[in-house]
Structures are given as structure tokens and as C-alpha cells.
Amino acid sequence: MERTYTVDELLGAVKRRWRWMAVVAAAVFAVAALVIARLPNEYRARALVMVEPLHPHPDLVVPVISRTLDERVKSVRSQVYARQLMATAIEELKLYSQVREKDGMDAAVDALRNDTEVHGEGDDAFSITVRSRDAAVAAKTANRLSELFIEGNLQVRAGQVARTRDVIAQQLAQMRGELGKSEAKIAAFKRANASTLPELNEARMRERDQLAKQIEVETGFIQTAQQRIDLIGVLPAGRMEQQVDDLRAKLGTARAALTPEHPDVQALSRELGNAQVRLEQAKARAAANDLELRRMSEAIGRGRKNIAQHQARMAEVDKLVAAAPLTATQLAELDRDAEMLKVKVTQLVSKKAEAEITADLEAKSAPTEFRVLESASAPAMPGSPNRPQMLLLALLAALALGSAVAVGQELSDRTLRSEGEAVALALPVLATVPRLHRAGAGRVLALPAMQGEQG
């Protein structure tokens, strides 16, 4: 039969077996107290470092390193835990000699990291806390870590400023080289497209107007010369010679048929004479006008040739003017690239000057940028272990263990403690024993045979 217990019954069991509980609790507490007493003392030394960043006036110089103060304080932990800084402190202070001899410097660095804590203190300070079994060693280590951090940070800052300045100088030299190439490219483009440069359009248009006027003048001169040629060719000598021949033929026919005194013969003779006079005059004029005709013809040829040349030049000018927009677009792209490079060069020159000013300010203000507000001192009292707290916890644990032992013994006891438990066995009653009241008597009836049967 399984027995169940109430809370009161368990408390009663503890009261009945208080001796066992006391013995176990006392033994456990004694062992725990001995162990706590033998724990080594651990001292904690704390150094407080103040960060005072450089704040030049923004109108004078733009900061080259744009890290905010909050970001710098957050990076302190990784800087303090850096292997080089830790190893330097370990070698200078001769820390963890046994660990170094056994496992090397890396194990010693890990041990110092485990014994070091870095915490931000407000917005512009941080603390370095070191744990050690030696109070003086803890204070020296905390102070030395603070000093090494400040020295390393100042070197890093100076290096950052120098690298920034060098990078800006390299970029400036590179931009100047690119600007020189761009300007040379523009000059070569202008030489290759000298005839279609947009700045020549105005001159081209004036030239075209002059060519148009010259063509107009040449055209007018040709028209005038042609008119004179037409006037010269109105009464050609050949036609007059034909007229004289016709009159001679008529006169011959008339003389053959009529007498010389006949009026028709005389009229034809007078008309022939007049025609011969006009022919001689026409021949004289033709001889005089022949030179003028040749001169006018040559002038007309020259005029037409000049017009053709002027028209060809006008076509060439029109082609150059039409090509100017494309040249202007390409030249504008080249000029835009060059202007952008000039702007970059100007900005880099300004940044270089700002970097020089920042470097000078960093060099002058470096000693005051970090300041140790509180140096670590050797603590008089250990920071751990907290022996009163540990003893209190040991006492509670001992009492809990003693109570558990008492309850365990009660649960393993097969003794019948009430009439109800006996009735539940459903066995015949052989005899009854009156209850005996005696101090410390807790058992009423023990039935070994029943225990054997249940088992």
C-alpha cells in the first residue's frame, strides 16, 4: 500500500527526526564554511578616464575624422581588450607568470581579459576595472591599462589624421592628373574640330552674308555684260552682207533687162551703194565690238566661275554651321567633365588645407584629449568573495538538505502510525494494545509480518 502525506504530516516527520536533520545540516554547513573560508580574496581596482574631444570651430575647419564621441566610447572596450595592449601590460607588470610558462602569452592575455571589465560612464568617460588576488597588482594593472589605452589611442588618432592627409594628397594628385588629361583632350578635340567650333558660327554667318552679296554683285555684272553682248549682236555683219548680195543680184537682173538710166536700175544702184556703206560701217563696228565682246565674254566666264566658287564656299560654310551643334554638344560634355574635375580639385585642396589644420590641432591638443579622472588605488577590502552572503546561502542549503534527509527517512519507514492504516490492511485483529503516552514515542504498532507480505 502506498502511503500519502500531508504537509502537516511531513512537518511532523521533520520534528520527529530533527536530530538527523541537525546533524546533516551542521555537517554540510561546516564543510561549506570551511570551503568559503579557504576561498582566496579577490580585489577590484577601478580607474576612470575622461574623454575630452577636440572641438574646432566649424567655420575654421571641417573635422577630418567624423567619429562621434559616443562611437568612440563604445569602441573603448575593443581597444582595451586588444592583444598588443594586454600583452604589453602583462610583460611590463610581469603578470600571470605561471600561465605564461605553461600555456603561453595568448592564455595570459585571455586571463587578463577575463579579469578586466570596461564600462561606459556617462557620455564622455569610461572605467577600467581589474580583478586580482593582490590589491596592489590590481591597482597597477588598471592604471597601466589606462595609460596604454591613452597612448595607443593618441597614436591611432595621429595616424588617422596623417593617413587622411596622405589619402587626400594622393587623391588631389590623381585629380590634377585627370584634369590635365581632360584639358589636353579638350585641346586636341578643338584642334581636330577647329572648323566646326561653335564660337566660329558668328564669323561663319558673316562670311556667308558676304558671299551672298558677292554672288549678287557677280550676277548683276553678268546680266549687264550679257545685255551689252546682246546689243552688240543686234546687227551682225553677216546678215548685212547677205542683203548686199541680194541687192547686187537684183541690180544685175535689172541691168540685163533695163537701160542704165532706167529709174529702177538707178534706185537699185543707190540702194546697193547705201547697203555697201552700211556694211562697211557694220564691219567697222564689228571690228570695234569684237574686242568688247571677247572682254565681256571673259568677264561673264570669270563671274560665273566666281559665283560657282562662292556657292561652293557657301555650301561648305553651311555644312560647317550644321556640324557645329554636334561639335558643341561633344565639347560641352568634355567641358562639363573638366569642370567637375576642377570642382573636385578645389574641394580636395580645401580638404587638404583643413587636414593640415586638423593635424596641427591634433598634435597640440593630444595631451589633453584624454584625462585620468580617478587613478586606481589598492583597495583595502576584497571585492569578492562575499562571505556573509555565501555563508547565508550555505546555511539555507544545509537546512534544505537536512530537511530532505529527514523527509526521505520518513518516506522509507514502513511503520503503521494510525488505526486507519491498520484497518486498510483488511487483516483479522489478533490483539489490541492500548496507546502509551511517552515523551518521544511516535510509533504505535509495528508488524514485521505485514512488511514482509507487502514486500
Protein backbone atom coordinates (compact mmCIF):
# COMPACT_ATOMS: atom_id res chain seq x y z
CA MET A 1 0.00 0.00 0.00
CA GLU A 2 1.34 3.39 -0.96
CA ARG A 3 1.23 5.97 1.78
CA THR A 4 0.38 9.63 1.15
CA TYR A 5 1.43 12.51 3.35
CA THR A 6 0.02 15.90 4.04
CA VAL A 7 2.07 18.98 4.75
CA ASP A 8 1.35 18.66 8.46
CA GLU A 9 2.49 15.04 8.41
CA LEU A 10 5.71 16.00 6.69
CA LEU A 11 6.32 18.76 9.22
CA GLY A 12 5.65 16.23 11.95
CA ALA A 13 8.16 13.86 10.38
CA VAL A 14 10.76 16.64 10.38
CA LYS A 15 10.04 17.32 14.04
CA ARG A 16 10.36 13.64 14.88
CA ARG A 17 13.68 13.36 13.03
CA TRP A 18 15.19 16.70 13.93
CA ARG A 19 18.35 15.08 15.18
CA TRP A 20 19.17 13.67 11.76
CA MET A 21 18.32 16.97 10.13
CA ALA A 22 20.52 18.88 12.57
CA VAL A 23 23.46 16.51 12.10
CA VAL A 24 23.28 16.65 8.29
CA ALA A 25 22.74 20.42 8.21
CA ALA A 26 25.58 21.03 10.64
CA ALA A 27 27.96 18.81 8.67
CA VAL A 28 27.05 20.45 5.35
CA PHE A 29 27.32 23.95 6.81
CA ALA A 30 30.66 23.15 8.42
CA VAL A 31 32.10 21.85 5.15
CA ALA A 32 30.71 24.86 3.23
CA ALA A 33 32.06 27.29 5.83
CA LEU A 34 35.47 25.66 5.60
CA VAL A 35 35.44 25.90 1.81
CA ILE A 36 34.27 29.55 1.92
CA ALA A 37 36.93 30.42 4.43
CA ARG A 38 39.62 28.93 2.23
CA LEU A 39 38.47 30.83 -0.90
CA PRO A 40 41.12 33.36 -1.96
CA ASN A 41 40.35 37.07 -1.68
CA GLU A 42 39.81 38.92 -4.94
CA TYR A 43 40.40 42.68 -5.07
CA ARG A 44 38.89 45.08 -7.61
CA ALA A 45 40.69 48.28 -8.66
CA ARG A 46 38.94 50.88 -10.84
CA ALA A 47 40.42 53.69 -12.95
CA LEU A 48 38.18 56.37 -14.52
CA VAL A 49 39.22 58.04 -17.79
CA MET A 50 37.65 61.22 -19.18
CA VAL A 51 37.42 61.78 -22.95
CA GLU A 52 37.70 65.44 -23.97
CA PRO A 53 37.41 65.55 -27.78
CA LEU A 54 38.73 68.37 -29.89
CA HIS A 55 36.01 70.80 -30.99
CA PRO A 56 37.42 73.28 -33.53
CA HIS A 57 35.03 75.92 -34.81
CA PRO A 58 33.20 74.53 -37.87
CA ASP A 59 33.82 77.79 -39.74
CA LEU A 60 37.56 77.28 -39.36
CA VAL A 61 37.95 73.61 -40.15
CA VAL A 62 35.76 70.65 -41.03
CA PRO A 63 36.61 67.55 -38.91
CA VAL A 64 38.61 65.03 -40.92
CA ILE A 65 37.72 62.09 -38.64
CA SER A 66 33.95 62.13 -38.27
CA ARG A 67 33.54 59.65 -35.42
CA THR A 68 31.17 60.85 -32.74
CA LEU A 69 32.06 60.79 -29.09
CA ASP A 70 29.51 58.06 -28.39
CA GLU A 71 31.03 55.84 -31.06
CA ARG A 72 34.50 56.40 -29.66
CA VAL A 73 33.43 55.48 -26.11
CA LYS A 74 31.76 52.31 -27.43
CA SER A 75 34.98 51.29 -29.15
CA VAL A 76 36.99 51.59 -25.93
CA ARG A 77 36.25 48.00 -24.93
CA SER A 78 37.72 46.50 -28.09
CA GLN A 79 40.76 48.79 -27.84
CA VAL A 80 41.44 47.89 -24.19
CA TYR A 81 40.99 44.18 -24.97
CA ALA A 82 43.44 44.36 -27.89
CA ARG A 83 46.11 41.68 -27.64
CA GLN A 84 49.03 44.08 -28.09
CA LEU A 85 47.87 46.34 -25.28
CA MET A 86 47.16 43.40 -22.95
CA ALA A 87 50.47 41.71 -23.75
CA THR A 88 52.38 44.94 -23.10
CA ALA A 89 50.76 45.32 -19.67
CA ILE A 90 51.45 41.66 -18.84
CA GLU A 91 55.13 41.93 -19.79
CA GLU A 92 55.70 45.23 -18.00
CA LEU A 93 53.97 44.16 -14.77
CA LYS A 94 55.09 40.51 -15.00
CA LEU A 95 51.54 39.18 -14.64
CA TYR A 96 50.38 35.56 -14.92
CA SER A 97 53.91 34.19 -14.93
CA GLN A 98 52.75 30.61 -14.32
CA VAL A 99 50.15 30.80 -17.05
CA ARG A 100 52.71 32.18 -19.49
CA GLU A 101 55.22 29.47 -18.68
CA LYS A 102 52.61 26.75 -19.03
CA ASP A 103 50.30 27.90 -21.87
CA GLY A 104 52.00 30.91 -23.44
CA MET A 105 51.17 34.59 -23.86
CA ASP A 106 47.78 34.01 -25.52
CA ALA A 107 46.49 32.21 -22.42
CA ALA A 108 47.79 35.03 -20.22
CA VAL A 109 46.05 37.60 -22.43
CA ASP A 110 42.78 35.64 -22.17
CA ALA A 111 43.16 35.51 -18.40
CA LEU A 112 43.71 39.27 -18.17
CA ARG A 113 40.69 39.85 -20.41
CA ASN A 114 38.59 37.73 -18.09
CA ASP A 115 39.81 39.75 -15.11
CA THR A 116 39.21 43.13 -16.81
CA GLU A 117 35.93 44.97 -17.20
CA VAL A 118 35.31 48.11 -19.26
CA HIS A 119 32.16 50.14 -18.78
CA GLY A 120 30.97 53.47 -20.14
CA GLU A 121 30.45 56.13 -17.51
CA GLY A 122 28.02 58.69 -18.90
CA ASP A 123 28.62 60.15 -22.35
CA ASP A 124 32.25 61.17 -22.07
CA ALA A 125 34.02 58.78 -19.69
CA PHE A 126 34.71 55.10 -19.15
CA SER A 127 36.10 52.96 -16.35
CA ILE A 128 38.62 50.10 -16.39
CA THR A 129 38.19 47.63 -13.53
CA VAL A 130 40.75 44.86 -12.88
CA ARG A 131 40.32 41.88 -10.55
CA SER A 132 43.32 40.32 -8.84
CA ARG A 133 44.20 38.44 -5.68
CA ASP A 134 46.75 41.16 -4.96
CA ALA A 135 45.28 44.62 -4.29
CA ALA A 136 48.44 46.45 -5.40
CA VAL A 137 48.68 44.41 -8.62
CA ALA A 138 45.02 45.17 -9.41
CA ALA A 139 45.62 48.91 -8.97
CA LYS A 140 48.84 48.89 -11.02
CA THR A 141 47.21 46.89 -13.79
CA ALA A 142 44.16 49.17 -14.01
CA ASN A 143 46.35 52.30 -14.11
CA ARG A 144 48.73 50.82 -16.67
CA LEU A 145 45.88 49.69 -18.93
CA SER A 146 44.50 53.24 -18.79
CA GLU A 147 47.89 54.72 -19.68
CA LEU A 148 48.46 52.24 -22.52
CA PHE A 149 44.98 52.91 -23.87
CA ILE A 150 45.56 56.68 -23.88
CA GLU A 151 48.99 56.34 -25.52
CA GLY A 152 47.70 53.92 -28.14
CA ASN A 153 44.61 56.00 -28.85
CA LEU A 154 46.65 59.15 -29.35
CA GLN A 155 48.95 57.29 -31.72
CA VAL A 156 45.94 55.93 -33.60
CA ARG A 157 44.43 59.39 -33.81
CA ALA A 158 47.67 60.86 -35.12
CA GLY A 159 47.95 58.01 -37.61
CA GLN A 160 44.38 58.52 -38.76
CA VAL A 161 44.97 62.22 -39.34
CA ALA A 162 48.25 61.52 -41.17
CA ARG A 163 46.66 58.80 -43.31
CA THR A 164 43.72 61.06 -44.08
CA ARG A 165 46.08 63.82 -45.11
CA ASP A 166 48.11 61.43 -47.28
CA VAL A 167 44.99 60.00 -48.88
CA ILE A 168 43.72 63.49 -49.68
CA ALA A 169 47.12 64.40 -51.14
CA GLN A 170 47.10 61.26 -53.30
CA GLN A 171 43.56 61.95 -54.45
CA LEU A 172 44.50 65.56 -55.20
CA ALA A 173 47.47 64.47 -57.30
CA GLN A 174 45.28 61.94 -59.08
CA MET A 175 42.54 64.51 -59.73
CA ARG A 176 45.08 67.02 -61.02
CA GLY A 177 46.46 64.39 -63.38
CA GLU A 178 42.96 63.58 -64.62
CA LEU A 179 42.24 67.30 -65.00
CA GLY A 180 45.41 67.73 -67.08
CA LYS A 181 44.38 64.82 -69.28
CA SER A 182 40.90 66.25 -69.65
CA GLU A 183 42.23 69.68 -70.64
CA ALA A 184 44.64 68.05 -73.12
CA LYS A 185 41.73 66.07 -74.54
CA ILE A 186 39.72 69.27 -74.94
CA ALA A 187 42.65 70.99 -76.70
CA ALA A 188 43.10 68.01 -79.05
CA PHE A 189 39.38 67.97 -79.78
CA LYS A 190 39.43 71.68 -80.60
CA ARG A 191 42.37 71.19 -82.93
CA ALA A 192 40.65 68.27 -84.65
CA ASN A 193 37.39 70.20 -84.99
CA ALA A 194 38.75 73.70 -85.41
CA SER A 195 36.49 74.42 -88.40
CA THR A 196 33.24 73.43 -86.61
CA LEU A 197 33.75 75.05 -83.24
CA PRO A 198 30.58 76.80 -82.06
CA GLU A 199 32.39 80.05 -81.34
CA LEU A 200 33.09 80.38 -85.10
CA ASN A 201 29.39 80.32 -86.05
CA GLU A 202 29.04 84.09 -85.92
CA ALA A 203 32.05 84.57 -88.17
CA ARG A 204 30.72 81.87 -90.49
CA MET A 205 27.38 83.62 -90.79
CA ARG A 206 29.08 86.94 -91.59
CA GLU A 207 31.20 85.17 -94.21
CA ARG A 208 28.07 83.62 -95.70
CA ASP A 209 26.38 87.02 -95.92
CA GLN A 210 29.44 88.44 -97.66
CA LEU A 211 29.46 85.52 -100.10
CA ALA A 212 25.77 86.06 -100.84
CA LYS A 213 26.45 89.74 -101.53
CA GLN A 214 29.38 88.87 -103.79
CA ILE A 215 27.21 86.37 -105.68
CA GLU A 216 24.58 89.04 -106.08
CA VAL A 217 27.19 91.50 -107.39
CA GLU A 218 28.63 88.92 -109.79
CA THR A 219 25.15 88.03 -111.02
CA GLY A 220 24.35 91.68 -111.69
CA PHE A 221 27.63 92.14 -113.55
CA ILE A 222 26.92 89.05 -115.69
CA GLN A 223 23.47 90.34 -116.54
CA THR A 224 24.91 93.74 -117.55
CA ALA A 225 27.62 92.10 -119.68
CA GLN A 226 25.06 89.85 -121.32
CA GLN A 227 22.92 92.83 -122.18
CA ARG A 228 25.90 94.54 -123.82
CA ILE A 229 26.63 91.36 -125.76
CA ASP A 230 23.03 91.25 -126.90
CA LEU A 231 23.28 94.87 -128.04
CA ILE A 232 26.46 94.15 -129.93
CA GLY A 233 24.87 91.22 -131.75
CA VAL A 234 21.64 93.07 -132.98
CA LEU A 235 23.01 93.93 -136.49
CA PRO A 236 25.51 91.28 -137.33
CA ALA A 237 27.74 91.94 -140.42
CA GLY A 238 26.87 88.57 -141.95
CA ARG A 239 23.22 89.50 -142.38
CA MET A 240 24.14 92.84 -143.94
CA GLU A 241 26.47 91.04 -146.37
CA GLN A 242 23.55 88.85 -147.37
CA GLN A 243 21.47 91.95 -148.01
CA VAL A 244 24.26 93.45 -150.19
CA ASP A 245 24.49 90.21 -152.18
CA ASP A 246 20.75 90.15 -152.70
CA LEU A 247 20.80 93.79 -153.94
CA ARG A 248 23.64 93.02 -156.34
CA ALA A 249 21.71 90.12 -157.77
CA LYS A 250 18.63 92.28 -158.26
CA LEU A 251 20.70 95.07 -159.81
CA GLY A 252 22.31 92.63 -162.26
CA THR A 253 18.93 91.32 -163.28
CA ALA A 254 17.59 94.85 -163.74
CA ARG A 255 20.58 95.97 -165.85
CA ALA A 256 20.15 92.93 -168.02
CA ALA A 257 16.57 93.83 -168.71
CA LEU A 258 16.63 97.65 -168.49
CA THR A 259 18.81 100.50 -169.53
CA PRO A 260 21.20 102.13 -167.06
CA GLU A 261 19.09 105.26 -166.97
CA HIS A 262 16.03 103.39 -166.03
CA PRO A 263 14.71 104.58 -162.64
CA ASP A 264 14.58 101.08 -161.19
CA VAL A 265 18.21 100.47 -162.10
CA GLN A 266 19.26 103.74 -160.59
CA ALA A 267 17.17 103.10 -157.44
CA LEU A 268 18.75 99.68 -157.00
CA SER A 269 22.17 101.20 -157.63
CA ARG A 270 21.57 103.82 -154.89
CA GLU A 271 20.19 101.16 -152.51
CA LEU A 272 23.18 98.93 -153.17
CA GLY A 273 25.54 101.79 -152.52
CA ASN A 274 23.82 102.61 -149.28
CA ALA A 275 23.86 98.95 -148.30
CA GLN A 276 27.57 98.73 -149.06
CA VAL A 277 28.17 101.82 -146.94
CA ARG A 278 26.21 100.33 -144.08
CA LEU A 279 28.08 97.04 -144.49
CA GLU A 280 31.41 98.81 -144.28
CA GLN A 281 30.21 100.67 -141.23
CA ALA A 282 28.91 97.43 -139.70
CA LYS A 283 32.24 95.75 -140.42
CA ALA A 284 33.99 98.65 -138.78
CA ARG A 285 31.70 98.46 -135.76
CA ALA A 286 32.05 94.67 -135.65
CA ALA A 287 35.82 95.01 -135.62
CA ALA A 288 35.50 97.55 -132.81
CA ASN A 289 32.96 95.49 -130.88
CA ASP A 290 34.76 92.21 -131.27
CA LEU A 291 37.28 93.16 -128.61
CA GLU A 292 34.44 94.30 -126.35
CA LEU A 293 32.57 91.06 -126.99
CA ARG A 294 35.58 88.96 -126.04
CA ARG A 295 36.14 91.11 -122.96
CA MET A 296 32.51 90.75 -121.87
CA SER A 297 32.55 87.03 -122.52
CA GLU A 298 35.69 86.62 -120.44
CA ALA A 299 34.10 88.76 -117.70
CA ILE A 300 30.96 86.63 -117.78
CA GLY A 301 33.11 83.47 -117.53
CA ARG A 302 35.02 84.90 -114.60
CA GLY A 303 31.77 85.96 -112.95
CA ARG A 304 30.22 82.54 -113.35
CA LYS A 305 33.41 80.92 -112.03
CA ASN A 306 33.38 83.29 -109.03
CA ILE A 307 29.72 82.52 -108.43
CA ALA A 308 30.46 78.79 -108.53
CA GLN A 309 33.33 79.26 -106.08
CA HIS A 310 31.19 81.42 -103.82
CA GLN A 311 28.36 78.90 -103.92
CA ALA A 312 30.77 76.05 -103.14
CA ARG A 313 32.14 78.07 -100.24
CA MET A 314 28.61 78.82 -99.07
CA ALA A 315 27.79 75.11 -99.16
CA GLU A 316 30.95 74.40 -97.18
CA VAL A 317 30.05 77.12 -94.66
CA ASP A 318 26.52 75.72 -94.35
CA LYS A 319 27.97 72.27 -93.73
CA LEU A 320 30.32 73.67 -91.08
CA VAL A 321 27.47 75.55 -89.42
CA ALA A 322 25.28 72.43 -89.50
CA ALA A 323 28.07 70.39 -87.87
CA ALA A 324 28.64 72.99 -85.15
CA PRO A 325 25.79 71.78 -82.84
CA LEU A 326 27.23 68.25 -82.67
CA THR A 327 30.69 69.66 -82.02
CA ALA A 328 29.21 71.96 -79.38
CA THR A 329 27.49 69.01 -77.66
CA GLN A 330 30.67 66.94 -77.60
CA LEU A 331 32.72 69.91 -76.45
CA ALA A 332 30.14 70.68 -73.75
CA GLU A 333 30.47 67.13 -72.42
CA LEU A 334 34.24 67.47 -72.31
CA ASP A 335 33.96 70.89 -70.65
CA ARG A 336 31.48 69.51 -68.11
CA ASP A 337 33.83 66.69 -67.21
CA ALA A 338 36.68 69.17 -66.88
CA GLU A 339 34.57 71.48 -64.71
CA MET A 340 33.62 68.58 -62.46
CA LEU A 341 37.29 67.69 -62.09
CA LYS A 342 38.09 71.33 -61.32
CA VAL A 343 35.42 71.34 -58.60
CA LYS A 344 36.84 68.12 -57.14
CA VAL A 345 40.35 69.54 -57.24
CA THR A 346 39.15 72.69 -55.48
CA GLN A 347 37.37 70.63 -52.84
CA LEU A 348 40.42 68.44 -52.31
CA VAL A 349 42.67 71.49 -52.00
CA SER A 350 40.30 72.81 -49.33
CA LYS A 351 40.19 69.43 -47.58
CA LYS A 352 43.97 69.19 -47.68
CA ALA A 353 44.24 72.58 -46.01
CA GLU A 354 41.65 71.51 -43.45
CA ALA A 355 43.57 68.28 -42.85
CA GLU A 356 46.75 70.25 -42.26
CA ILE A 357 44.94 72.46 -39.73
CA THR A 358 43.36 69.40 -38.07
CA ALA A 359 46.72 67.64 -37.87
CA ASP A 360 48.25 70.68 -36.21
CA LEU A 361 45.35 70.94 -33.75
CA GLU A 362 45.52 67.21 -33.02
CA ALA A 363 49.25 67.46 -32.32
CA LYS A 364 48.79 70.42 -29.98
CA SER A 365 45.70 69.13 -28.16
CA ALA A 366 46.63 65.43 -28.00
CA PRO A 367 47.92 65.51 -24.38
CA THR A 368 44.65 66.99 -23.11
CA GLU A 369 42.21 64.90 -25.15
CA PHE A 370 42.22 62.04 -22.60
CA ARG A 371 42.46 62.66 -18.89
CA VAL A 372 42.50 60.21 -15.98
CA LEU A 373 39.90 61.50 -13.53
CA GLU A 374 40.47 58.81 -10.91
CA SER A 375 43.58 56.69 -10.70
CA ALA A 376 43.11 53.19 -9.36
CA SER A 377 44.26 52.71 -5.77
CA ALA A 378 44.87 49.48 -3.88
CA PRO A 379 41.53 48.52 -2.27
CA ALA A 380 41.55 47.89 1.48
CA MET A 381 38.73 45.32 1.34
CA PRO A 382 38.37 42.49 -1.14
CA GLY A 383 35.61 42.78 -3.68
CA SER A 384 34.91 39.07 -3.61
CA PRO A 385 34.05 36.54 -2.34
CA ASN A 386 31.07 37.89 -0.36
CA ARG A 387 31.49 35.56 2.59
CA PRO A 388 28.42 36.61 4.63
CA GLN A 389 26.19 36.07 1.65
CA MET A 390 27.85 32.78 0.80
CA LEU A 391 27.53 31.59 4.43
CA LEU A 392 23.85 32.51 4.45
CA LEU A 393 23.31 30.56 1.23
CA ALA A 394 25.30 27.62 2.65
CA LEU A 395 23.13 27.65 5.80
CA LEU A 396 19.95 27.62 3.73
CA ALA A 397 21.31 24.82 1.57
CA ALA A 398 22.33 22.82 4.67
CA LEU A 399 18.87 23.21 6.22
CA ALA A 400 17.25 22.19 2.94
CA LEU A 401 19.49 19.14 2.67
CA GLY A 402 18.84 18.15 6.31
CA SER A 403 15.10 18.50 5.78
CA ALA A 404 15.34 16.38 2.65
CA VAL A 405 17.18 13.66 4.58
CA ALA A 406 14.53 13.69 7.33
CA VAL A 407 11.69 13.50 4.81
CA GLY A 408 13.50 10.73 2.95
CA GLN A 409 13.83 8.65 6.10
CA GLU A 410 10.16 9.21 6.86
CA LEU A 411 9.16 8.07 3.38
CA SER A 412 11.24 4.88 3.69
CA ASP A 413 9.78 3.97 7.13
CA ARG A 414 7.09 1.21 6.96
CA THR A 415 5.75 1.73 10.50
CA LEU A 416 1.93 1.99 10.94
CA ARG A 417 1.13 5.24 12.63
CA SER A 418 -2.69 5.26 12.73
CA GLU A 419 -5.65 2.95 13.16
CA GLY A 420 -6.84 3.82 9.66
CA GLU A 421 -3.61 2.46 8.19
CA ALA A 422 -4.12 -0.82 10.09
CA VAL A 423 -7.77 -1.16 9.02
CA ALA A 424 -6.74 -0.57 5.41
CA LEU A 425 -4.73 -3.82 5.58
CA ALA A 426 -8.01 -5.87 5.90
CA LEU A 427 -6.35 -8.35 8.33
CA PRO A 428 -8.02 -10.01 11.36
CA VAL A 429 -7.27 -8.36 14.68
CA LEU A 430 -5.41 -10.73 16.98
CA ALA A 431 -4.92 -8.34 19.86
CA THR A 432 -5.07 -4.71 20.79
CA VAL A 433 -2.51 -2.67 22.70
CA PRO A 434 -3.52 0.49 24.49
CA ARG A 435 -1.86 3.78 23.45
CA LEU A 436 1.11 4.51 25.57
CA HIS A 437 1.85 8.16 26.07
CA ARG A 438 5.52 8.74 26.50
CA ALA A 439 7.79 11.56 25.54
CA GLY A 440 9.35 10.85 22.19
CA ALA A 441 7.05 7.85 21.47
CA GLY A 442 5.82 8.10 17.93
CA ARG A 443 5.29 4.52 16.79
CA VAL A 444 2.01 2.77 17.68
CA LEU A 445 2.38 -0.73 16.27
CA ALA A 446 4.91 -2.46 14.10
CA LEU A 447 4.01 -5.57 12.14
CA PRO A 448 7.10 -7.18 10.61
CA ALA A 449 4.99 -9.87 9.01
CA MET A 450 2.96 -7.25 7.21
CA GLN A 451 6.12 -5.61 5.92
CA GLY A 452 7.32 -8.93 4.54
CA GLU A 453 3.92 -9.57 2.93
CA GLN A 454 3.83 -6.15 1.28
CA GLY A 455 7.33 -6.56 0.07
